Amino acid sequence: MIHIAIAEDHVSLSDGLKLFLEQDNDIKVMFTVPNGKEMLLKLERMRPEVILTDISMPEMNGVELCQRIKKEYPRTKVLALSMFENEGAVRDMIDAGVDGYMLKSSPLTELKKAIFTIADGKNYYDNELKFNIKDLKLFSSRKQLLSRSEKEILKLVAQGKTNQEIADFRGTAVSTIIKHRKNMMQKLDLHGKGELLQYAIQEHGHY
């Protein structure tokens, strides 16, 4: 028996998922909540093996929720169930430590397959995702090499700011910013200003 919890702000959807999943004798939905904050409160008393979470939710989104779960309850598996199929959303969840990623538009039979797969300790990514998951994981692992300052500068690069503007904003020398950019490009295996800008936009785009 796999015990599941669902974080989804659309009540009709979470109710429908609960009804569908519990048709399987090997699945039990312990509870549903509308956001990440309520999920964390529930987890203080109840411990499902698998958590299904939307990404875009009020109070606390799926990315923040996944980060907290993986930090506080590392044995708990997390499956993102989202309408977002852009690289930025998937990469953010991979960075947060998600075990699987499913699109809401996919058949519910695939959802069951995903649940059993991640419960067994494996990753599961929707076949409808139009990009290479291995590449995203590689970029994710490289990103962890960046220092706090480099990550902050990367956000400013994504906003299109020049080296001088970034230096002024951070109260440092332009030469320091240039050095940070060179270090980031080396760590991320990027070549040229254009590739760094593209990567920065992908990382910090909104969804």
C-alpha atoms as a PDB file:
ATOM      1  CA  MET A   1       0.000   0.000   0.000  1.00  0.00           C
ATOM      2  CA  ILE A   2       1.373   3.407  -1.048  1.00  0.00           C
ATOM      3  CA  HIS A   3       0.169   6.300   1.117  1.00  0.00           C
ATOM      4  CA  ILE A   4      -0.204   9.568  -0.816  1.00  0.00           C
ATOM      5  CA  ALA A   5      -0.904  13.236  -0.067  1.00  0.00           C
ATOM      6  CA  ILE A   6      -1.924  15.870  -2.609  1.00  0.00           C
ATOM      7  CA  ALA A   7      -1.121  19.604  -2.673  1.00  0.00           C
ATOM      8  CA  GLU A   8      -3.393  21.261  -5.241  1.00  0.00           C
ATOM      9  CA  ASP A   9      -5.274  24.549  -4.971  1.00  0.00           C
ATOM     10  CA  HIS A  10      -8.086  23.453  -7.295  1.00  0.00           C
ATOM     11  CA  VAL A  11     -10.341  21.434  -4.998  1.00  0.00           C
ATOM     12  CA  SER A  12     -12.273  19.783  -7.820  1.00  0.00           C
ATOM     13  CA  LEU A  13      -9.031  18.450  -9.308  1.00  0.00           C
ATOM     14  CA  SER A  14      -7.637  17.118  -6.030  1.00  0.00           C
ATOM     15  CA  ASP A  15     -10.994  15.479  -5.265  1.00  0.00           C
ATOM     16  CA  GLY A  16     -11.008  13.892  -8.720  1.00  0.00           C
ATOM     17  CA  LEU A  17      -7.453  12.636  -8.312  1.00  0.00           C
ATOM     18  CA  LYS A  18      -8.281  11.158  -4.903  1.00  0.00           C
ATOM     19  CA  LEU A  19     -11.341   9.367  -6.300  1.00  0.00           C
ATOM     20  CA  PHE A  20      -9.400   7.973  -9.254  1.00  0.00           C
ATOM     21  CA  LEU A  21      -6.319   6.870  -7.333  1.00  0.00           C
ATOM     22  CA  GLU A  22      -8.263   5.117  -4.604  1.00  0.00           C
ATOM     23  CA  GLN A  23      -9.827   2.832  -7.190  1.00  0.00           C
ATOM     24  CA  ASP A  24      -6.480   1.053  -6.944  1.00  0.00           C
ATOM     25  CA  ASN A  25      -6.311  -1.169  -3.855  1.00  0.00           C
ATOM     26  CA  ASP A  26      -2.578  -0.468  -3.565  1.00  0.00           C
ATOM     27  CA  ILE A  27      -3.030   3.312  -3.167  1.00  0.00           C
ATOM     28  CA  LYS A  28      -4.409   5.280  -0.222  1.00  0.00           C
ATOM     29  CA  VAL A  29      -4.798   9.076  -0.334  1.00  0.00           C
ATOM     30  CA  MET A  30      -4.231  10.219   3.243  1.00  0.00           C
ATOM     31  CA  PHE A  31      -5.213  13.867   2.747  1.00  0.00           C
ATOM     32  CA  THR A  32      -5.374  16.793   0.319  1.00  0.00           C
ATOM     33  CA  VAL A  33      -4.361  20.422   0.936  1.00  0.00           C
ATOM     34  CA  PRO A  34      -4.575  23.624  -1.168  1.00  0.00           C
ATOM     35  CA  ASN A  35      -0.995  24.857  -0.705  1.00  0.00           C
ATOM     36  CA  GLY A  36       2.520  24.056   0.469  1.00  0.00           C
ATOM     37  CA  LYS A  37       2.189  25.624   3.927  1.00  0.00           C
ATOM     38  CA  GLU A  38      -0.736  23.406   4.844  1.00  0.00           C
ATOM     39  CA  MET A  39       1.115  20.382   3.505  1.00  0.00           C
ATOM     40  CA  LEU A  40       4.051  21.057   5.848  1.00  0.00           C
ATOM     41  CA  LEU A  41       1.675  21.398   8.807  1.00  0.00           C
ATOM     42  CA  LYS A  42       0.074  18.046   7.962  1.00  0.00           C
ATOM     43  CA  LEU A  43       3.468  16.378   7.597  1.00  0.00           C
ATOM     44  CA  GLU A  44       4.214  17.147  11.239  1.00  0.00           C
ATOM     45  CA  ARG A  45       1.627  14.481  12.150  1.00  0.00           C
ATOM     46  CA  MET A  46       1.214  12.299   9.053  1.00  0.00           C
ATOM     47  CA  ARG A  47       3.885  10.798   6.779  1.00  0.00           C
ATOM     48  CA  PRO A  48       2.800   9.733   3.291  1.00  0.00           C
ATOM     49  CA  GLU A  49       5.378   7.950   1.153  1.00  0.00           C
ATOM     50  CA  VAL A  50       4.549   9.998  -1.961  1.00  0.00           C
ATOM     51  CA  ILE A  51       3.401  13.608  -2.315  1.00  0.00           C
ATOM     52  CA  LEU A  52       1.781  14.953  -5.471  1.00  0.00           C
ATOM     53  CA  THR A  53       2.176  18.695  -5.798  1.00  0.00           C
ATOM     54  CA  ASP A  54       1.162  21.404  -8.229  1.00  0.00           C
ATOM     55  CA  ILE A  55       3.818  24.055  -8.886  1.00  0.00           C
ATOM     56  CA  SER A  56       1.752  27.238  -8.957  1.00  0.00           C
ATOM     57  CA  MET A  57      -0.105  27.533  -5.627  1.00  0.00           C
ATOM     58  CA  PRO A  58      -0.870  30.360  -3.175  1.00  0.00           C
ATOM     59  CA  GLU A  59       0.963  30.701   0.167  1.00  0.00           C
ATOM     60  CA  MET A  60       3.807  28.349  -0.833  1.00  0.00           C
ATOM     61  CA  ASN A  61       4.432  26.989  -4.329  1.00  0.00           C
ATOM     62  CA  GLY A  62       5.539  23.512  -5.343  1.00  0.00           C
ATOM     63  CA  VAL A  63       9.204  24.422  -5.731  1.00  0.00           C
ATOM     64  CA  GLU A  64       9.480  25.780  -2.169  1.00  0.00           C
ATOM     65  CA  LEU A  65       7.442  22.843  -0.860  1.00  0.00           C
ATOM     66  CA  CYS A  66       9.696  20.296  -2.551  1.00  0.00           C
ATOM     67  CA  GLN A  67      12.808  21.996  -1.152  1.00  0.00           C
ATOM     68  CA  ARG A  68      11.394  21.843   2.380  1.00  0.00           C
ATOM     69  CA  ILE A  69      10.263  18.240   2.085  1.00  0.00           C
ATOM     70  CA  LYS A  70      13.625  17.069   0.783  1.00  0.00           C
ATOM     71  CA  LYS A  71      15.373  18.896   3.605  1.00  0.00           C
ATOM     72  CA  GLU A  72      13.081  17.831   6.447  1.00  0.00           C
ATOM     73  CA  TYR A  73      11.735  14.487   5.192  1.00  0.00           C
ATOM     74  CA  PRO A  74      14.382  13.204   2.730  1.00  0.00           C
ATOM     75  CA  ARG A  75      12.826   9.736   2.424  1.00  0.00           C
ATOM     76  CA  THR A  76       9.524  11.172   1.159  1.00  0.00           C
ATOM     77  CA  LYS A  77       9.068  11.050  -2.613  1.00  0.00           C
ATOM     78  CA  VAL A  78       7.714  14.082  -4.486  1.00  0.00           C
ATOM     79  CA  LEU A  79       5.929  14.038  -7.837  1.00  0.00           C
ATOM     80  CA  ALA A  80       5.208  17.355  -9.565  1.00  0.00           C
ATOM     81  CA  LEU A  81       1.845  17.387 -11.323  1.00  0.00           C
ATOM     82  CA  SER A  82       1.702  20.558 -13.388  1.00  0.00           C
ATOM     83  CA  MET A  83       0.371  22.285 -16.492  1.00  0.00           C
ATOM     84  CA  PHE A  84       3.817  23.841 -17.065  1.00  0.00           C
ATOM     85  CA  GLU A  85       5.978  22.049 -19.630  1.00  0.00           C
ATOM     86  CA  ASN A  86       8.651  24.734 -20.093  1.00  0.00           C
ATOM     87  CA  GLU A  87      12.270  23.976 -19.235  1.00  0.00           C
ATOM     88  CA  GLY A  88      12.434  26.592 -16.480  1.00  0.00           C
ATOM     89  CA  ALA A  89       9.637  25.010 -14.446  1.00  0.00           C
ATOM     90  CA  VAL A  90      11.052  21.497 -14.800  1.00  0.00           C
ATOM     91  CA  ARG A  91      14.574  22.668 -14.002  1.00  0.00           C
ATOM     92  CA  ASP A  92      13.380  24.476 -10.870  1.00  0.00           C
ATOM     93  CA  MET A  93      11.732  21.281  -9.629  1.00  0.00           C
ATOM     94  CA  ILE A  94      14.821  19.211 -10.450  1.00  0.00           C
ATOM     95  CA  ASP A  95      16.921  21.742  -8.509  1.00  0.00           C
ATOM     96  CA  ALA A  96      14.485  21.324  -5.599  1.00  0.00           C
ATOM     97  CA  GLY A  97      15.037  17.550  -5.639  1.00  0.00           C
ATOM     98  CA  VAL A  98      11.788  16.320  -7.212  1.00  0.00           C
ATOM     99  CA  ASP A  99      11.539  12.579  -7.964  1.00  0.00           C
ATOM    100  CA  GLY A 100       9.212  12.900 -10.942  1.00  0.00           C
ATOM    101  CA  TYR A 101       7.357  15.354 -13.176  1.00  0.00           C
ATOM    102  CA  MET A 102       3.948  14.749 -14.793  1.00  0.00           C
ATOM    103  CA  LEU A 103       1.827  17.015 -16.984  1.00  0.00           C
ATOM    104  CA  LYS A 104      -1.808  17.472 -16.002  1.00  0.00           C
ATOM    105  CA  SER A 105      -2.749  16.882 -19.628  1.00  0.00           C
ATOM    106  CA  SER A 106      -1.366  13.317 -19.565  1.00  0.00           C
ATOM    107  CA  PRO A 107      -3.615  10.257 -19.059  1.00  0.00           C
ATOM    108  CA  LEU A 108      -4.362   9.364 -15.440  1.00  0.00           C
ATOM    109  CA  THR A 109      -3.070   5.860 -16.102  1.00  0.00           C
ATOM    110  CA  GLU A 110       0.366   7.436 -16.575  1.00  0.00           C
ATOM    111  CA  LEU A 111      -0.002   9.120 -13.189  1.00  0.00           C
ATOM    112  CA  LYS A 112      -0.368   5.739 -11.502  1.00  0.00           C
ATOM    113  CA  LYS A 113       2.697   4.485 -13.351  1.00  0.00           C
ATOM    114  CA  ALA A 114       4.643   7.545 -12.164  1.00  0.00           C
ATOM    115  CA  ILE A 115       3.572   7.010  -8.547  1.00  0.00           C
ATOM    116  CA  PHE A 116       4.640   3.362  -8.483  1.00  0.00           C
ATOM    117  CA  THR A 117       7.925   4.229 -10.226  1.00  0.00           C
ATOM    118  CA  ILE A 118       9.042   6.900  -7.771  1.00  0.00           C
ATOM    119  CA  ALA A 119       7.777   4.882  -4.793  1.00  0.00           C
ATOM    120  CA  ASP A 120      10.212   2.206  -6.001  1.00  0.00           C
ATOM    121  CA  GLY A 121      13.069   4.693  -5.745  1.00  0.00           C
ATOM    122  CA  LYS A 122      13.332   5.628  -9.423  1.00  0.00           C
ATOM    123  CA  ASN A 123      12.715   8.879 -11.310  1.00  0.00           C
ATOM    124  CA  TYR A 124       9.791   9.380 -13.673  1.00  0.00           C
ATOM    125  CA  TYR A 125       9.424  12.172 -16.233  1.00  0.00           C
ATOM    126  CA  ASP A 126       6.488  12.633 -18.575  1.00  0.00           C
ATOM    127  CA  ASN A 127       7.170  11.400 -22.106  1.00  0.00           C
ATOM    128  CA  GLU A 128       5.434  14.523 -23.458  1.00  0.00           C
ATOM    129  CA  LEU A 129       8.210  16.810 -22.196  1.00  0.00           C
ATOM    130  CA  LYS A 130       9.961  18.063 -25.335  1.00  0.00           C
ATOM    131  CA  PHE A 131      13.516  18.311 -24.053  1.00  0.00           C
ATOM    132  CA  ASN A 132      16.320  16.166 -22.683  1.00  0.00           C
ATOM    133  CA  ILE A 133      15.962  15.549 -18.948  1.00  0.00           C
ATOM    134  CA  LYS A 134      19.575  14.377 -18.702  1.00  0.00           C
ATOM    135  CA  ASP A 135      20.743  17.768 -19.983  1.00  0.00           C
ATOM    136  CA  LEU A 136      18.577  19.556 -17.406  1.00  0.00           C
ATOM    137  CA  LYS A 137      19.993  17.409 -14.612  1.00  0.00           C
ATOM    138  CA  LEU A 138      23.517  18.137 -15.817  1.00  0.00           C
ATOM    139  CA  PHE A 139      22.880  21.888 -15.743  1.00  0.00           C
ATOM    140  CA  SER A 140      21.259  21.474 -12.326  1.00  0.00           C
ATOM    141  CA  SER A 141      24.320  19.721 -10.901  1.00  0.00           C
ATOM    142  CA  ARG A 142      26.603  22.411 -12.357  1.00  0.00           C
ATOM    143  CA  LYS A 143      24.430  25.152 -10.908  1.00  0.00           C
ATOM    144  CA  GLN A 144      25.097  23.806  -7.413  1.00  0.00           C
ATOM    145  CA  LEU A 145      28.747  24.764  -7.936  1.00  0.00           C
ATOM    146  CA  LEU A 146      27.890  28.477  -8.070  1.00  0.00           C
ATOM    147  CA  SER A 147      28.569  30.594  -5.006  1.00  0.00           C
ATOM    148  CA  ARG A 148      25.878  32.742  -3.431  1.00  0.00           C
ATOM    149  CA  SER A 149      27.354  35.885  -5.010  1.00  0.00           C
ATOM    150  CA  GLU A 150      27.473  34.227  -8.438  1.00  0.00           C
ATOM    151  CA  LYS A 151      23.825  33.193  -8.179  1.00  0.00           C
ATOM    152  CA  GLU A 152      22.843  36.763  -7.266  1.00  0.00           C
ATOM    153  CA  ILE A 153      24.836  38.137 -10.203  1.00  0.00           C
ATOM    154  CA  LEU A 154      23.214  35.584 -12.510  1.00  0.00           C
ATOM    155  CA  LYS A 155      19.796  37.013 -11.620  1.00  0.00           C
ATOM    156  CA  LEU A 156      21.001  40.490 -12.561  1.00  0.00           C
ATOM    157  CA  VAL A 157      22.443  39.176 -15.824  1.00  0.00           C
ATOM    158  CA  ALA A 158      18.995  37.730 -16.600  1.00  0.00           C
ATOM    159  CA  GLN A 159      17.551  41.242 -16.193  1.00  0.00           C
ATOM    160  CA  GLY A 160      19.881  42.460 -18.948  1.00  0.00           C
ATOM    161  CA  LYS A 161      22.052  44.610 -16.679  1.00  0.00           C
ATOM    162  CA  THR A 162      25.575  45.539 -17.832  1.00  0.00           C
ATOM    163  CA  ASN A 163      28.712  44.805 -15.814  1.00  0.00           C
ATOM    164  CA  GLN A 164      28.807  48.449 -14.717  1.00  0.00           C
ATOM    165  CA  GLU A 165      25.156  48.381 -13.628  1.00  0.00           C
ATOM    166  CA  ILE A 166      25.698  45.153 -11.684  1.00  0.00           C
ATOM    167  CA  ALA A 167      28.819  46.595 -10.045  1.00  0.00           C
ATOM    168  CA  ASP A 168      26.931  49.758  -9.048  1.00  0.00           C
ATOM    169  CA  PHE A 169      24.025  47.711  -7.684  1.00  0.00           C
ATOM    170  CA  ARG A 170      26.317  45.489  -5.618  1.00  0.00           C
ATOM    171  CA  GLY A 171      28.718  48.272  -4.604  1.00  0.00           C
ATOM    172  CA  THR A 172      31.775  46.565  -6.028  1.00  0.00           C
ATOM    173  CA  ALA A 173      34.322  47.005  -8.818  1.00  0.00           C
ATOM    174  CA  VAL A 174      33.528  46.166 -12.437  1.00  0.00           C
ATOM    175  CA  SER A 175      36.616  43.933 -12.507  1.00  0.00           C
ATOM    176  CA  THR A 176      35.075  41.834  -9.707  1.00  0.00           C
ATOM    177  CA  ILE A 177      31.893  41.320 -11.717  1.00  0.00           C
ATOM    178  CA  ILE A 178      33.886  40.342 -14.804  1.00  0.00           C
ATOM    179  CA  LYS A 179      35.814  37.809 -12.708  1.00  0.00           C
ATOM    180  CA  HIS A 180      32.569  36.342 -11.342  1.00  0.00           C
ATOM    181  CA  ARG A 181      31.147  36.028 -14.858  1.00  0.00           C
ATOM    182  CA  LYS A 182      34.246  34.212 -16.072  1.00  0.00           C
ATOM    183  CA  ASN A 183      34.053  31.832 -13.108  1.00  0.00           C
ATOM    184  CA  MET A 184      30.364  31.127 -13.783  1.00  0.00           C
ATOM    185  CA  MET A 185      30.989  30.386 -17.433  1.00  0.00           C
ATOM    186  CA  GLN A 186      33.768  27.978 -16.521  1.00  0.00           C
ATOM    187  CA  LYS A 187      31.667  26.179 -13.890  1.00  0.00           C
ATOM    188  CA  LEU A 188      28.635  25.943 -16.195  1.00  0.00           C
ATOM    189  CA  ASP A 189      30.727  25.017 -19.240  1.00  0.00           C
ATOM    190  CA  LEU A 190      29.367  27.997 -21.182  1.00  0.00           C
ATOM    191  CA  HIS A 191      31.163  29.893 -23.939  1.00  0.00           C
ATOM    192  CA  GLY A 192      30.598  33.558 -24.759  1.00  0.00           C
ATOM    193  CA  LYS A 193      28.421  36.283 -23.219  1.00  0.00           C
ATOM    194  CA  GLY A 194      25.432  35.141 -25.252  1.00  0.00           C
ATOM    195  CA  GLU A 195      25.376  31.663 -23.709  1.00  0.00           C
ATOM    196  CA  LEU A 196      25.608  33.037 -20.174  1.00  0.00           C
ATOM    197  CA  LEU A 197      22.737  35.443 -20.837  1.00  0.00           C
ATOM    198  CA  GLN A 198      20.630  32.664 -22.361  1.00  0.00           C
ATOM    199  CA  TYR A 199      21.293  30.409 -19.381  1.00  0.00           C
ATOM    200  CA  ALA A 200      20.477  33.228 -16.945  1.00  0.00           C
ATOM    201  CA  ILE A 201      17.144  33.918 -18.658  1.00  0.00           C
ATOM    202  CA  GLN A 202      16.247  30.210 -18.655  1.00  0.00           C
ATOM    203  CA  GLU A 203      17.067  29.980 -14.965  1.00  0.00           C
ATOM    204  CA  HIS A 204      15.206  33.052 -13.838  1.00  0.00           C
ATOM    205  CA  GLY A 205      12.313  33.259 -16.272  1.00  0.00           C
ATOM    206  CA  HIS A 206       8.820  33.415 -14.741  1.00  0.00           C
ATOM    207  CA  TYR A 207       6.108  30.796 -14.995  1.00  0.00           C
END
